[in-house]
C-alpha cells in the first residue's frame, strides 16, 4: 500500500491522461503474484479483492472515533480539518504526522485488514482495528487505505484508465482487456488473466451489470445524419436499466450499477417465466394506455424495498427494451445493431421500443416532433452496422433533445468540492423568488470553467452569512441561468419543487436577484409536464 500511495500522489499531481495511465502501468509491472489483482482492485476503489458476501461500508463516525483515539486531537479540530481538506483520508493522514507509524503495509496485509473490517460486526471492534492501523502504519499509506475503502481515490483516475494501464502493463490489446472486463465485471481478475494469457477464456457473467453504451448529445437534427446510415428510436424520460434473467431469476440494474429489482416487482413477474437467459438494455417507464407517464410519477417508485399495491396501481411500470447484449450463453456486443435487434424482436413477451427509418432531414424533424408529442424527450439515432460499445460515447449513438427549460436563479448556498476541488466552492444551491424571499429549487455543480469557479469562490466567500461544516450560506446576489430536464415535487425544498438534472448554462453577470424567475414559473412548468 505504501508504494501504491506514492504512485497515487504522483497521479494526482498530473493532468495528462496519458501520463496518469503511464504511471499506473509502470507500477502494475512491478507487481508479482496476487499483488497485481490487489493493486488493480484498490486503484478502482474496490477494497475487497475477491467476491464475498456483504459490502465493506464504514461510516464517518467510526473513522472519526478511531482517528481521535489514534492522534489525541479533539473533535472540533478534527471537524475543522475535514471541512478544510474535503477528504477524510487526507485529513486523518495529516493529523497522524505528529506521531507517525513506521511499519510498511504490504498489499496482502491491506486486504487482510479490509476483510477483518468487513467481518467485525460490532462498531467498537472496527474502531479498535482502525486505531491500530492508524498508529502502526505510515500516514501516506493510511491515506490511500481509507480512500480505497471509500470507493473513490479522488485523484482523477477512472476505471477505464486503469483498464488502459492493465493493457499497457501486460502487453495485451486494450479492446481485449475491455471486452474481458465487460464479460466478467472484475478488473482485478481480468488483470491476472491478461498477464497469464487467459483473457480469451473469460466468459460473460450474468447478474453482474456491465457498462451501458452512451449516446452523444446533439443540439438539433442536422443535415449530416444521412438517412442511409441511421436508425431512429424515441428518447424516453425514464430510468435506463439493464435486465439480467436466467432460470426464473431476474435482476434489474441502473446506470449507477444499483440493484433496483425490489422496486419493480411487476417487471420481474413478467420476465421471470421466460425461457433461456438474456441481458436486455432498455428503459423503465411509468406506463398507462400505451404511453409513458411523467418522470415525476415514476420517481415515487424509486428506493423502495417494498412497493405498496396502491402505488403499483397508481403508477404502473414497464420495461421497454431496445437492445440485447447476451442470449443463452452468447455475448452479442460484437454483433451489428441489426442482428441484435432481430434477436431482440424474437424474444417472447418483451415490450420493444419502436424503431424507424427516415428519408430526409424534414422527415427526421417530424419524427422528433412526434416523439415530443408522445411525451418523450426526443430521439436517439443509432448508426447502422454499429456494435455495442459499453461505457463509450463514440458517436455511434446520438441523442437529440432540448432542455425541458431554463430558469434564472440566485445562489443561496455554496459547498466545497472534493478531490481537486476541495479548496474551492464548486457546488451551488440556488433559488427562485417567492414574494420578497427566495426559496431553493435545486443544486448544480457543472457548467462553469475552472477559472469561473475560482472567481466565483472569491466572490462567494465575501457573501457568507453562516457556515455549517462544508456548506456556506451566502447573501443572494449571484445570478445563474440553469437548464434542466424536468420539474418534480420535493419536500426537501421550501419551494415544494426540485429541478431534474440541473446544470449551469452561464453566469448571468448582467442580472440582479430582482430579475430571477419566481416559484410560479416553476409551478407552471411542473403542471405542463402532465398536460
Protein backbone atom coordinates (compact mmCIF):
# COMPACT_ATOMS: atom_id res chain seq x y z
CA UNK A 1 0.00 0.00 0.00
CA UNK A 2 2.97 2.34 0.62
CA UNK A 3 4.21 2.16 -2.97
CA UNK A 4 0.64 2.37 -4.30
CA UNK A 5 0.11 5.51 -2.20
CA UNK A 6 3.27 7.12 -3.59
CA UNK A 7 2.14 6.41 -7.15
CA UNK A 8 -1.35 7.76 -6.44
CA UNK A 9 0.14 11.01 -5.14
CA UNK A 10 2.07 11.38 -8.38
CA UNK A 11 -1.06 10.58 -10.43
CA UNK A 12 -2.99 13.23 -8.50
CA UNK A 13 -0.33 15.79 -9.40
CA UNK A 14 -0.54 15.45 -13.20
CA UNK A 15 -3.34 16.46 -15.56
CA UNK A 16 -2.39 14.44 -18.61
CA UNK A 17 -4.47 11.29 -19.05
CA UNK A 18 -1.59 9.65 -20.93
CA UNK A 19 0.81 10.45 -18.09
CA UNK A 20 -1.59 9.11 -15.44
CA UNK A 21 -2.00 5.85 -17.35
CA UNK A 22 1.78 5.59 -17.82
CA UNK A 23 2.43 5.97 -14.09
CA UNK A 24 -0.14 3.30 -13.21
CA UNK A 25 1.12 0.93 -15.91
CA UNK A 26 4.69 1.21 -14.64
CA UNK A 27 3.51 0.45 -11.11
CA UNK A 28 1.47 -2.55 -12.21
CA UNK A 29 4.50 -4.03 -14.00
CA UNK A 30 6.22 -4.19 -10.59
CA UNK A 31 3.52 -6.36 -9.02
CA UNK A 32 4.13 -10.07 -8.56
CA UNK A 33 1.62 -12.87 -7.99
CA UNK A 34 -1.70 -11.89 -6.44
CA UNK A 35 -0.45 -8.37 -5.70
CA UNK A 36 -1.39 -7.41 -9.27
CA UNK A 37 -5.03 -8.19 -8.54
CA UNK A 38 -4.85 -6.38 -5.20
CA UNK A 39 -3.29 -3.28 -6.76
CA UNK A 40 -5.88 -3.09 -9.54
CA UNK A 41 -8.71 -3.65 -7.09
CA UNK A 42 -7.57 -0.89 -4.73
CA UNK A 43 -6.91 1.52 -7.63
CA UNK A 44 -10.52 1.09 -8.76
CA UNK A 45 -11.91 1.69 -5.26
CA UNK A 46 -12.71 -1.94 -4.50
CA UNK A 47 -11.18 -2.90 -1.15
CA UNK A 48 -12.49 -6.48 -1.31
CA UNK A 49 -10.40 -8.18 -3.98
CA UNK A 50 -12.32 -11.45 -4.11
CA UNK A 51 -16.12 -11.54 -4.36
CA UNK A 52 -17.56 -12.12 -0.88
CA UNK A 53 -20.96 -11.88 0.70
CA UNK A 54 -21.53 -8.42 2.06
CA UNK A 55 -20.15 -4.99 1.30
CA UNK A 56 -17.49 -3.13 3.26
CA UNK A 57 -19.05 0.09 4.45
CA UNK A 58 -17.67 2.29 7.19
CA UNK A 59 -19.42 5.43 8.36
CA UNK A 60 -17.63 8.63 9.13
CA UNK A 61 -18.32 8.19 12.84
CA UNK A 62 -16.14 5.07 13.11
CA UNK A 63 -13.29 6.71 11.19
CA UNK A 64 -13.53 9.82 13.35
CA UNK A 65 -13.57 7.85 16.61
CA UNK A 66 -10.51 5.85 15.56
CA UNK A 67 -8.69 8.98 14.40
CA UNK A 68 -9.34 10.81 17.68
CA UNK A 69 -8.07 7.84 19.69
CA UNK A 70 -5.01 7.47 17.49
CA UNK A 71 -4.00 11.14 17.36
CA UNK A 72 -5.28 12.64 20.61
CA UNK A 73 -6.82 15.56 18.73
CA UNK A 74 -10.20 16.90 19.84
CA UNK A 75 -13.40 16.54 17.83
CA UNK A 76 -13.65 20.24 16.98
CA UNK A 77 -10.19 20.27 15.43
CA UNK A 78 -10.96 17.09 13.52
CA UNK A 79 -14.14 18.57 12.06
CA UNK A 80 -12.38 21.77 11.08
CA UNK A 81 -9.67 19.80 9.28
CA UNK A 82 -12.21 17.65 7.40
CA UNK A 83 -14.02 20.81 6.39
CA UNK A 84 -10.88 22.43 5.03
CA UNK A 85 -9.38 19.30 3.40
CA UNK A 86 -12.61 18.00 1.95
CA UNK A 87 -11.39 14.41 2.24
CA UNK A 88 -11.43 12.09 5.29
CA UNK A 89 -8.41 10.03 4.23
CA UNK A 90 -6.29 13.13 3.67
CA UNK A 91 -7.43 14.66 6.97
CA UNK A 92 -6.54 11.61 9.07
CA UNK A 93 -3.18 11.16 7.38
CA UNK A 94 -2.26 14.78 8.10
CA UNK A 95 -3.34 14.51 11.74
CA UNK A 96 -1.11 11.44 12.08
CA UNK A 97 2.00 13.36 11.01
CA UNK A 98 2.85 14.49 14.56
CA UNK A 99 3.47 10.91 15.71
CA UNK A 100 3.56 8.77 12.58
CA UNK A 101 3.63 5.00 12.42
CA UNK A 102 6.64 3.46 10.71
CA UNK A 103 5.58 -0.04 9.67
CA UNK A 104 5.04 -0.75 5.97
CA UNK A 105 1.64 -2.00 4.83
CA UNK A 106 2.03 -4.69 2.15
CA UNK A 107 -0.95 -5.07 -0.20
CA UNK A 108 -1.66 -8.51 1.25
CA UNK A 109 -1.91 -7.03 4.76
CA UNK A 110 -4.18 -4.23 3.48
CA UNK A 111 -6.51 -6.86 2.01
CA UNK A 112 -6.49 -8.72 5.33
CA UNK A 113 -7.43 -5.52 7.15
CA UNK A 114 -10.35 -4.91 4.79
CA UNK A 115 -11.68 -8.43 5.32
CA UNK A 116 -11.37 -8.10 9.10
CA UNK A 117 -13.27 -4.81 8.98
CA UNK A 118 -16.00 -6.48 6.94
CA UNK A 119 -16.32 -9.32 9.42
CA UNK A 120 -16.23 -7.06 12.51
CA UNK A 121 -19.96 -6.63 13.03
CA UNK A 122 -19.58 -4.52 16.19
CA UNK A 123 -18.61 -0.86 15.67
CA UNK A 124 -16.28 -0.90 18.67
CA UNK A 125 -14.25 -3.71 17.08
CA UNK A 126 -13.97 -1.75 13.84
CA UNK A 127 -12.80 1.36 15.71
CA UNK A 128 -10.22 -0.70 17.60
CA UNK A 129 -8.82 -2.19 14.38
CA UNK A 130 -8.78 1.18 12.62
CA UNK A 131 -6.91 2.77 15.54
CA UNK A 132 -4.29 0.01 15.30
CA UNK A 133 -3.91 0.63 11.57
CA UNK A 134 -3.59 4.38 12.06
CA UNK A 135 -0.87 4.23 14.73
CA UNK A 136 1.09 1.38 13.15
CA UNK A 137 1.45 2.38 9.51
CA UNK A 138 2.82 5.34 7.60
CA UNK A 139 0.38 8.25 7.18
CA UNK A 140 0.51 8.25 3.37
CA UNK A 141 -0.37 4.54 3.25
CA UNK A 142 -3.20 5.18 5.72
CA UNK A 143 -4.48 7.97 3.46
CA UNK A 144 -4.97 5.66 0.49
CA UNK A 145 -6.09 2.75 2.64
CA UNK A 146 -9.06 4.96 3.65
CA UNK A 147 -9.58 6.34 0.14
CA UNK A 148 -9.78 2.86 -1.40
CA UNK A 149 -12.25 1.86 1.30
CA UNK A 150 -14.47 4.83 0.37
CA UNK A 151 -14.68 3.64 -3.24
CA UNK A 152 -13.15 6.79 -4.73
CA UNK A 153 -9.45 7.72 -4.68
CA UNK A 154 -10.25 11.26 -5.91
CA UNK A 155 -7.07 11.56 -7.95
CA UNK A 156 -8.65 11.88 -11.39
CA UNK A 157 -8.33 8.17 -12.12
CA UNK A 158 -11.22 6.37 -13.83
CA UNK A 159 -11.61 2.62 -14.21
CA UNK A 160 -11.22 2.97 -17.98
CA UNK A 161 -7.77 4.46 -17.36
CA UNK A 162 -6.85 1.51 -15.15
CA UNK A 163 -8.01 -0.77 -18.00
CA UNK A 164 -5.59 1.08 -20.29
CA UNK A 165 -2.82 0.68 -17.70
CA UNK A 166 -3.51 -3.06 -17.39
CA UNK A 167 -3.28 -3.42 -21.17
CA UNK A 168 -0.03 -1.45 -21.28
CA UNK A 169 1.48 -3.30 -18.32
CA UNK A 170 0.67 -6.76 -19.69
CA UNK A 171 1.24 -6.05 -23.37
CA UNK A 172 -2.32 -7.01 -24.26
CA UNK A 173 -4.67 -5.29 -26.68
CA UNK A 174 -6.86 -2.71 -24.92
CA UNK A 175 -10.04 -3.91 -26.62
CA UNK A 176 -9.32 -7.44 -25.42
CA UNK A 177 -8.90 -6.20 -21.84
CA UNK A 178 -12.04 -4.07 -22.05
CA UNK A 179 -14.03 -6.89 -23.57
CA UNK A 180 -12.97 -9.31 -20.83
CA UNK A 181 -13.83 -6.74 -18.16
CA UNK A 182 -17.27 -6.27 -19.66
CA UNK A 183 -17.81 -10.01 -19.61
CA UNK A 184 -16.56 -10.56 -16.07
CA UNK A 185 -17.01 -7.19 -14.38
CA UNK A 186 -13.98 -7.73 -12.13
CA UNK A 187 -10.92 -5.90 -13.45
CA UNK A 188 -8.60 -7.34 -10.78
CA UNK A 189 -9.15 -10.85 -12.13
CA UNK A 190 -9.01 -9.61 -15.72
CA UNK A 191 -5.56 -8.19 -14.96
CA UNK A 192 -4.32 -11.61 -13.79
CA UNK A 193 -5.78 -13.23 -16.90
CA UNK A 194 -4.13 -10.60 -19.12
CA UNK A 195 -0.76 -11.26 -17.52
CA UNK A 196 -1.14 -15.04 -17.72
CA UNK A 197 -2.57 -15.20 -21.26
CA UNK A 198 -6.09 -16.18 -20.26
CA UNK A 199 -8.24 -13.29 -21.46
CA UNK A 200 -9.98 -15.30 -24.15
CA UNK A 201 -11.12 -17.89 -21.61
CA UNK A 202 -13.12 -15.33 -19.64
CA UNK A 203 -16.82 -15.82 -20.23
CA UNK A 204 -19.69 -13.43 -19.66
CA UNK A 205 -21.11 -13.42 -16.17
CA UNK A 206 -24.83 -12.99 -15.64
CA UNK A 207 -26.16 -10.96 -12.74
CA UNK A 208 -23.28 -8.53 -12.80
CA UNK A 209 -24.11 -5.22 -14.55
CA UNK A 210 -21.85 -4.17 -17.39
CA UNK A 211 -21.31 -0.61 -18.59
CA UNK A 212 -24.04 0.92 -20.72
CA UNK A 213 -23.42 2.29 -24.20
CA UNK A 214 -23.88 6.06 -24.18
CA UNK A 215 -25.34 8.46 -26.71
CA UNK A 216 -23.53 11.59 -27.85
CA UNK A 217 -25.73 14.68 -27.42
CA UNK A 218 -26.64 16.76 -30.46
CA UNK A 219 -28.16 20.21 -30.23
CA UNK A 220 -30.52 19.65 -33.15
CA UNK A 221 -31.40 17.40 -36.06
CA UNK A 222 -28.63 18.05 -38.57
CA UNK A 223 -28.18 17.52 -42.30
CA UNK A 224 -25.11 15.32 -41.63
CA UNK A 225 -27.31 12.48 -40.35
CA UNK A 226 -27.79 10.87 -43.75
CA UNK A 227 -30.85 8.56 -43.89
CA UNK A 228 -28.91 5.62 -45.31
CA UNK A 229 -26.68 5.43 -42.25
CA UNK A 230 -29.03 5.79 -39.28
CA UNK A 231 -31.92 4.19 -37.42
CA UNK A 232 -34.20 6.18 -35.12
CA UNK A 233 -35.89 5.49 -31.77
CA UNK A 234 -37.63 7.69 -29.21
CA UNK A 235 -35.55 9.11 -26.34
CA UNK A 236 -37.54 8.19 -23.23
CA UNK A 237 -37.66 10.06 -19.93
CA UNK A 238 -37.40 7.09 -17.59
CA UNK A 239 -34.71 5.08 -15.83
CA UNK A 240 -32.05 3.48 -18.01
CA UNK A 241 -31.88 -0.12 -16.90
CA UNK A 242 -30.23 -3.45 -17.64
CA UNK A 243 -32.24 -6.61 -17.02
CA UNK A 244 -30.48 -9.94 -16.39
CA UNK A 245 -32.62 -13.09 -16.44
CA UNK A 246 -31.92 -16.81 -16.31
CA UNK A 247 -33.59 -19.86 -14.80
CA UNK A 248 -36.53 -17.95 -13.33
CA UNK A 249 -34.27 -15.35 -11.72
CA UNK A 250 -34.43 -11.66 -12.69
CA UNK A 251 -32.25 -8.73 -11.60
CA UNK A 252 -32.62 -5.09 -12.64
CA UNK A 253 -29.66 -2.68 -12.56
CA UNK A 254 -29.45 1.07 -13.19
CA UNK A 255 -26.69 3.01 -14.93
CA UNK A 256 -25.18 3.58 -11.50
CA UNK A 257 -24.93 -0.23 -11.14
CA UNK A 258 -27.53 -0.18 -8.37
CA UNK A 259 -29.81 -3.19 -7.93
CA UNK A 260 -33.40 -1.83 -8.09
CA UNK A 261 -35.17 -5.16 -8.57
CA UNK A 262 -37.33 -4.79 -5.45
CA UNK A 263 -38.87 -1.53 -6.69
CA UNK A 264 -40.37 -3.13 -9.82
CA UNK A 265 -41.94 -6.49 -8.95
CA UNK A 266 -44.31 -6.46 -11.94
CA UNK A 267 -41.33 -6.35 -14.33
CA UNK A 268 -39.81 -9.33 -12.52
CA UNK A 269 -43.11 -11.23 -12.73
CA UNK A 270 -43.39 -10.61 -16.46
CA UNK A 271 -39.84 -11.69 -17.29
CA UNK A 272 -39.02 -14.45 -14.79
CA UNK A 273 -41.15 -17.05 -16.58
CA UNK A 274 -39.42 -16.57 -19.94
CA UNK A 275 -37.21 -19.39 -21.25
CA UNK A 276 -33.45 -19.13 -21.70
CA UNK A 277 -31.12 -16.42 -20.44
CA UNK A 278 -30.60 -12.85 -21.59
CA UNK A 279 -29.26 -9.40 -20.76
CA UNK A 280 -31.53 -6.63 -22.02
CA UNK A 281 -30.79 -2.93 -22.26
CA UNK A 282 -33.72 -0.55 -22.07
CA UNK A 283 -35.80 1.89 -20.06
CA UNK A 284 -38.11 1.58 -17.06
CA UNK A 285 -41.13 3.80 -17.59
CA UNK A 286 -44.29 4.69 -15.81
CA UNK A 287 -46.83 3.48 -18.37
CA UNK A 288 -50.51 3.84 -18.99
CA UNK A 289 -52.66 3.46 -22.12
CA UNK A 290 -49.68 2.89 -24.41
CA UNK A 291 -47.57 5.89 -23.45
CA UNK A 292 -45.05 6.94 -20.85
CA UNK A 293 -46.13 8.75 -17.69
CA UNK A 294 -44.20 11.83 -16.48
CA UNK A 295 -40.98 11.04 -14.64
CA UNK A 296 -42.31 12.85 -11.57
CA UNK A 297 -44.78 9.97 -11.12
CA UNK A 298 -42.20 7.27 -11.77
CA UNK A 299 -39.94 8.79 -9.13
CA UNK A 300 -42.36 7.63 -6.43
CA UNK A 301 -41.39 4.04 -7.22
CA UNK A 302 -37.66 4.51 -6.54
CA UNK A 303 -35.63 3.50 -3.48
CA UNK A 304 -38.34 1.19 -2.11
CA UNK A 305 -37.73 -2.26 -0.66
CA UNK A 306 -41.43 -2.99 -0.96
CA UNK A 307 -43.93 -1.25 -3.22
CA UNK A 308 -47.48 -0.86 -1.85
CA UNK A 309 -50.21 -2.30 -4.03
CA UNK A 310 -51.92 1.08 -4.24
CA UNK A 311 -48.79 2.71 -5.63
CA UNK A 312 -48.41 -0.07 -8.18
CA UNK A 313 -51.93 0.71 -9.36
CA UNK A 314 -51.35 4.46 -9.45
CA UNK A 315 -48.00 4.25 -11.25
CA UNK A 316 -47.83 1.06 -13.31
CA UNK A 317 -44.44 0.44 -14.89
CA UNK A 318 -42.99 -1.43 -17.85
CA UNK A 319 -39.52 -2.31 -19.06
CA UNK A 320 -39.15 -1.11 -22.66
CA UNK A 321 -36.24 -2.96 -24.27
CA UNK A 322 -34.12 -1.54 -27.06
CA UNK A 323 -31.05 -3.77 -27.14
CA UNK A 324 -30.00 -7.36 -26.47
CA UNK A 325 -26.48 -7.82 -25.07
CA UNK A 326 -26.43 -11.51 -24.18
CA UNK A 327 -28.55 -14.52 -25.15
CA UNK A 328 -28.30 -18.11 -23.99
CA UNK A 329 -24.59 -18.03 -23.17
CA UNK A 330 -23.54 -15.83 -26.10
CA UNK A 331 -22.34 -12.24 -25.65
CA UNK A 332 -23.61 -10.09 -28.51
CA UNK A 333 -21.57 -6.89 -28.10
CA UNK A 334 -19.63 -7.56 -31.32
CA UNK A 335 -22.77 -8.23 -33.35
CA UNK A 336 -24.26 -5.48 -35.52
CA UNK A 337 -27.20 -3.47 -34.27
CA UNK A 338 -29.37 -5.10 -36.96
CA UNK A 339 -28.52 -8.58 -35.73
CA UNK A 340 -29.06 -7.65 -32.09
CA UNK A 341 -32.41 -6.08 -32.99
CA UNK A 342 -33.55 -9.16 -34.90
CA UNK A 343 -32.72 -11.37 -31.92
CA UNK A 344 -34.44 -8.91 -29.59
CA UNK A 345 -37.61 -9.00 -31.68
CA UNK A 346 -37.57 -12.79 -31.38
CA UNK A 347 -37.58 -12.59 -27.57
CA UNK A 348 -41.03 -13.65 -26.33
CA UNK A 349 -43.22 -11.30 -24.28
CA UNK A 350 -40.73 -8.41 -24.25
CA UNK A 351 -42.05 -4.89 -24.85
CA UNK A 352 -39.91 -3.22 -27.52
CA UNK A 353 -39.05 0.38 -28.29
CA UNK A 354 -40.27 1.08 -31.85
CA UNK A 355 -37.53 1.68 -34.42
CA UNK A 356 -37.84 3.77 -37.57
CA UNK A 357 -36.03 4.69 -40.74
CA UNK A 358 -36.34 8.05 -42.47
CA UNK A 359 -35.75 9.54 -45.92
CA UNK A 360 -34.88 13.18 -45.33
CA UNK A 361 -33.96 15.77 -42.73
CA UNK A 362 -37.54 17.07 -42.80
CA UNK A 363 -38.88 13.58 -42.07
CA UNK A 364 -36.40 13.23 -39.22
CA UNK A 365 -37.65 16.53 -37.81
CA UNK A 366 -41.22 15.21 -37.99
CA UNK A 367 -40.15 12.09 -36.09
CA UNK A 368 -38.63 14.33 -33.41
CA UNK A 369 -41.84 16.35 -33.11
CA UNK A 370 -43.90 13.14 -32.91
CA UNK A 371 -41.67 11.81 -30.11
CA UNK A 372 -42.18 15.03 -28.18
CA UNK A 373 -45.93 14.81 -28.75
CA UNK A 374 -45.87 11.33 -27.20
CA UNK A 375 -44.37 12.85 -24.06
CA UNK A 376 -40.83 11.65 -24.76
CA UNK A 377 -37.63 13.71 -24.66
CA UNK A 378 -36.67 13.48 -28.31
CA UNK A 379 -34.81 10.94 -30.43
CA UNK A 380 -31.92 8.50 -30.19
CA UNK A 381 -30.27 7.99 -33.57
CA UNK A 382 -28.21 4.81 -33.99
CA UNK A 383 -25.72 4.09 -36.74
CA UNK A 384 -26.48 1.12 -38.94
CA UNK A 385 -23.97 -1.70 -38.56
CA UNK A 386 -22.70 -0.36 -35.23
CA UNK A 387 -21.56 -2.60 -32.38
CA UNK A 388 -22.50 -2.23 -28.72
CA UNK A 389 -19.69 -0.27 -27.03
CA UNK A 390 -20.08 -0.39 -23.23
CA UNK A 391 -19.15 2.80 -21.44
CA UNK A 392 -18.38 4.65 -24.68
CA UNK A 393 -19.89 7.77 -26.20
CA UNK A 394 -18.34 7.19 -29.59
CA UNK A 395 -20.99 8.84 -31.73
CA UNK A 396 -22.47 5.56 -32.99
CA UNK A 397 -25.49 6.57 -30.90
CA UNK A 398 -26.63 10.20 -30.79
CA UNK A 399 -29.44 11.79 -28.80
CA UNK A 400 -31.38 14.83 -29.93
CA UNK A 401 -33.28 16.51 -27.15
CA UNK A 402 -33.85 20.01 -25.91
CA UNK A 403 -33.66 21.05 -22.26
CA UNK A 404 -37.07 20.96 -20.63
CA UNK A 405 -36.50 24.56 -19.75
CA UNK A 406 -34.12 27.20 -18.39
CA UNK A 407 -34.52 29.50 -15.42
CA UNK A 408 -32.64 32.42 -13.99
CA UNK A 409 -31.87 31.63 -10.34
CA UNK A 410 -29.84 33.08 -7.48
CA UNK A 411 -27.19 31.25 -5.40
CA UNK A 412 -28.17 30.88 -1.74
CA UNK A 413 -25.52 28.42 -0.55
CA UNK A 414 -22.19 27.02 -1.71
CA UNK A 415 -20.27 23.92 -0.75
CA UNK A 416 -16.63 22.95 -1.03
CA UNK A 417 -15.92 20.37 -3.66
CA UNK A 418 -13.90 17.18 -3.30
CA UNK A 419 -10.56 16.00 -4.58
CA UNK A 420 -9.06 18.66 -6.85
CA UNK A 421 -11.95 20.99 -5.99
CA UNK A 422 -11.56 20.58 -2.24
CA UNK A 423 -10.31 24.15 -1.79
CA UNK A 424 -12.94 25.92 -3.91
CA UNK A 425 -16.69 26.39 -3.71
CA UNK A 426 -17.96 24.35 -6.65
CA UNK A 427 -21.45 23.08 -5.63
CA UNK A 428 -24.15 25.76 -5.66
CA UNK A 429 -27.63 25.63 -4.16
CA UNK A 430 -29.93 28.03 -5.98
CA UNK A 431 -33.37 29.56 -5.53
CA UNK A 432 -36.20 31.43 -7.25
CA UNK A 433 -38.27 34.35 -5.95
CA UNK A 434 -41.32 33.81 -3.77
CA UNK A 435 -42.67 37.25 -2.96
CA UNK A 436 -39.97 39.08 -1.02
CA UNK A 437 -37.94 35.95 -0.24
CA UNK A 438 -36.04 33.26 -2.15
CA UNK A 439 -36.85 29.54 -1.99
CA UNK A 440 -34.49 26.78 -3.12
CA UNK A 441 -35.24 24.60 -6.15
CA UNK A 442 -32.00 22.72 -6.75
CA UNK A 443 -28.24 22.34 -6.73
CA UNK A 444 -25.74 22.35 -9.59
CA UNK A 445 -22.02 21.73 -9.89
CA UNK A 446 -21.35 21.58 -13.63
CA UNK A 447 -21.20 24.18 -16.35
CA UNK A 448 -18.59 26.69 -15.16
CA UNK A 449 -14.94 26.71 -16.18
CA UNK A 450 -12.19 26.22 -13.61
CA UNK A 451 -11.36 29.91 -13.82
CA UNK A 452 -15.01 30.89 -13.28
CA UNK A 453 -15.17 28.57 -10.25
CA UNK A 454 -12.10 30.22 -8.74
CA UNK A 455 -13.57 33.66 -9.36
CA UNK A 456 -16.94 32.54 -8.00
CA UNK A 457 -15.22 31.20 -4.86
CA UNK A 458 -13.55 34.53 -4.16
CA UNK A 459 -16.86 36.36 -4.63
CA UNK A 460 -18.99 33.97 -2.56
CA UNK A 461 -16.57 33.89 0.36
CA UNK A 462 -17.27 37.60 0.73
CA UNK A 463 -21.02 36.96 0.84
CA UNK A 464 -21.05 34.28 3.57
CA UNK A 465 -23.65 34.78 6.30
CA UNK A 466 -23.45 31.41 8.09
CA UNK A 467 -21.32 28.30 7.89
CA UNK A 468 -22.36 24.70 8.55
CA UNK A 469 -19.34 22.47 8.09
CA UNK A 470 -18.53 22.43 4.38
CA UNK A 471 -21.65 24.39 3.43
CA UNK A 472 -21.77 28.19 3.47
CA UNK A 473 -24.97 30.20 3.32
CA UNK A 474 -24.48 33.34 1.22
CA UNK A 475 -26.36 36.53 0.55
CA UNK A 476 -28.46 36.01 -2.60
CA UNK A 477 -26.59 38.22 -5.05
CA UNK A 478 -25.09 35.94 -7.72
CA UNK A 479 -27.42 35.02 -10.60
CA UNK A 480 -27.09 31.92 -12.79
CA UNK A 481 -29.00 30.60 -15.77
CA UNK A 482 -29.63 26.88 -15.34
CA UNK A 483 -31.03 24.28 -17.73
CA UNK A 484 -32.81 21.16 -16.53
CA UNK A 485 -34.70 18.12 -17.76
CA UNK A 486 -37.88 18.43 -15.73
CA UNK A 487 -39.54 19.57 -12.52
CA UNK A 488 -40.67 17.32 -9.69
CA UNK A 489 -42.32 17.74 -6.31
CA UNK A 490 -39.88 17.93 -3.41
CA UNK A 491 -40.42 18.00 0.34
CA UNK A 492 -36.76 18.94 0.83
CA UNK A 493 -37.10 22.43 -0.65
CA UNK A 494 -39.27 25.23 0.70
CA UNK A 495 -40.42 25.93 -2.83
CA UNK A 496 -42.02 22.49 -2.93
CA UNK A 497 -40.23 21.70 -6.19
CA UNK A 498 -36.86 20.46 -7.44
CA UNK A 499 -35.32 20.70 -10.91
CA UNK A 500 -34.17 17.44 -12.51
CA UNK A 501 -30.53 17.24 -13.64
CA UNK A 502 -29.84 20.96 -13.42
CA UNK A 503 -26.66 22.30 -15.00
CA UNK A 504 -25.33 25.82 -15.27
CA UNK A 505 -25.70 27.43 -18.68
CA UNK A 506 -23.95 30.66 -17.77
CA UNK A 507 -23.16 33.12 -15.04
CA UNK A 508 -25.62 35.99 -15.50
CA UNK A 509 -23.43 38.93 -14.53
CA UNK A 510 -25.92 41.21 -16.29
CA UNK A 511 -28.79 40.33 -13.93
CA UNK A 512 -29.64 41.20 -10.34
CA UNK A 513 -31.55 38.94 -7.91
CA UNK A 514 -34.69 41.01 -8.53
CA UNK A 515 -34.71 39.70 -12.09
CA UNK A 516 -34.66 35.94 -11.38
CA UNK A 517 -37.66 33.73 -12.10
CA UNK A 518 -40.32 33.09 -9.47
CA UNK A 519 -41.86 29.98 -7.96
CA UNK A 520 -44.99 30.47 -10.07
CA UNK A 521 -42.92 29.89 -13.21
CA UNK A 522 -41.64 26.63 -11.69
CA UNK A 523 -45.18 25.56 -10.79
CA UNK A 524 -46.39 26.16 -14.36
CA UNK A 525 -43.53 24.08 -15.76
CA UNK A 526 -44.38 21.27 -13.36
CA UNK A 527 -48.08 21.30 -14.31
CA UNK A 528 -47.21 21.45 -18.01
CA UNK A 529 -45.42 18.12 -17.70
CA UNK A 530 -48.77 16.45 -17.03
CA UNK A 531 -50.58 18.12 -19.92
